[in-house]
């Protein structure tokens, strides 16, 4: 529990930088798919997108922003499904 408190303190102190990092990661991952289309490294894109969703969810939870918490937790779920699909564990 101490580690979580310490991590929350670090995120709180650096929340603006962490949010900007998450937003830039999201822009990069969707830009990569837009530019490369079917040649996109989908496992990388989904992993990267899920990491940014975790960062943005964490910030939204700390800020007690329900709308952005819901949106980004949703993206964590989408990212997990995307990673399963990219690795072949789920088929369409």
Protein backbone atom coordinates (compact mmCIF):
# COMPACT_ATOMS: atom_id res chain seq x y z
CA UNK A 1 0.00 0.00 0.00
CA UNK A 2 2.91 2.33 0.72
CA UNK A 3 4.12 1.92 -2.87
CA UNK A 4 0.71 2.92 -4.25
CA UNK A 5 0.64 6.01 -2.03
CA UNK A 6 4.13 6.94 -3.21
CA UNK A 7 3.20 6.37 -6.87
CA UNK A 8 0.04 8.47 -6.48
CA UNK A 9 2.15 11.26 -4.96
CA UNK A 10 4.57 11.15 -7.90
CA UNK A 11 1.69 11.20 -10.40
CA UNK A 12 -0.01 14.05 -8.53
CA UNK A 13 3.19 16.13 -8.52
CA UNK A 14 3.73 15.52 -12.25
CA UNK A 15 0.13 15.22 -13.43
CA UNK A 16 0.33 17.79 -16.24
CA UNK A 17 3.45 16.20 -17.74
CA UNK A 18 2.00 12.69 -17.41
CA UNK A 19 -1.27 13.76 -19.06
CA UNK A 20 0.61 15.41 -21.92
CA UNK A 21 2.73 12.30 -22.36
CA UNK A 22 -0.41 10.14 -22.50
CA UNK A 23 -2.06 12.45 -25.03
CA UNK A 24 1.05 12.50 -27.24
CA UNK A 25 1.25 8.71 -27.04
CA UNK A 26 -2.39 8.44 -28.13
CA UNK A 27 -1.82 10.82 -31.05
CA UNK A 28 1.29 8.89 -32.11
CA UNK A 29 -0.38 5.47 -31.99
CA UNK A 30 -3.42 6.53 -34.02
CA UNK A 31 -1.24 8.46 -36.46
CA UNK A 32 0.86 5.35 -37.01
CA UNK A 33 -2.24 3.33 -37.91
CA UNK A 34 -3.48 6.13 -40.18
CA UNK A 35 -0.17 6.37 -42.02
CA UNK A 36 0.67 2.67 -42.28
CA UNK A 37 -2.80 1.16 -42.58
CA UNK A 38 -2.71 -2.64 -42.80
CA UNK A 39 1.10 -2.62 -42.46
CA UNK A 40 0.80 -1.14 -38.95
CA UNK A 41 2.51 -3.02 -36.13
CA UNK A 42 -0.83 -3.64 -34.43
CA UNK A 43 0.50 -5.34 -31.29
CA UNK A 44 2.82 -2.39 -30.69
CA UNK A 45 0.04 0.12 -31.40
CA UNK A 46 -2.42 -1.59 -29.04
CA UNK A 47 0.19 -2.00 -26.31
CA UNK A 48 1.26 1.64 -26.62
CA UNK A 49 -2.38 2.78 -26.68
CA UNK A 50 -3.19 0.72 -23.58
CA UNK A 51 -0.25 2.20 -21.68
CA UNK A 52 -1.40 5.73 -22.53
CA UNK A 53 -4.94 4.81 -21.45
CA UNK A 54 -3.60 3.59 -18.09
CA UNK A 55 -1.66 6.85 -17.61
CA UNK A 56 -4.66 8.99 -18.54
CA UNK A 57 -7.03 6.89 -16.40
CA UNK A 58 -4.76 7.26 -13.40
CA UNK A 59 -4.63 11.04 -13.85
CA UNK A 60 -8.40 11.25 -14.28
CA UNK A 61 -8.99 9.17 -11.14
CA UNK A 62 -6.68 11.42 -9.11
CA UNK A 63 -8.47 14.49 -10.48
CA UNK A 64 -11.82 12.81 -9.76
CA UNK A 65 -12.93 13.43 -13.33
CA UNK A 66 -15.61 10.78 -13.90
CA UNK A 67 -16.06 11.39 -17.61
CA UNK A 68 -12.37 11.02 -18.47
CA UNK A 69 -11.99 8.14 -16.04
CA UNK A 70 -14.79 6.28 -17.84
CA UNK A 71 -13.42 7.15 -21.29
CA UNK A 72 -9.89 6.06 -20.54
CA UNK A 73 -10.81 2.94 -18.55
CA UNK A 74 -12.92 2.00 -21.60
CA UNK A 75 -9.78 2.47 -23.77
CA UNK A 76 -7.82 0.18 -21.43
CA UNK A 77 -10.42 -2.51 -22.12
CA UNK A 78 -10.36 -1.85 -25.86
CA UNK A 79 -6.56 -2.03 -25.78
CA UNK A 80 -6.58 -5.37 -23.98
CA UNK A 81 -8.96 -6.79 -26.60
CA UNK A 82 -6.79 -5.28 -29.35
CA UNK A 83 -3.66 -6.92 -27.91
CA UNK A 84 -5.42 -10.30 -27.70
CA UNK A 85 -6.55 -9.96 -31.30
CA UNK A 86 -3.12 -8.83 -32.49
CA UNK A 87 -1.49 -11.89 -30.89
CA UNK A 88 -4.09 -14.28 -32.31
CA UNK A 89 -5.70 -15.21 -28.98
CA UNK A 90 -9.04 -13.85 -30.24
CA UNK A 91 -10.37 -14.19 -33.73
CA UNK A 92 -13.00 -12.08 -35.46
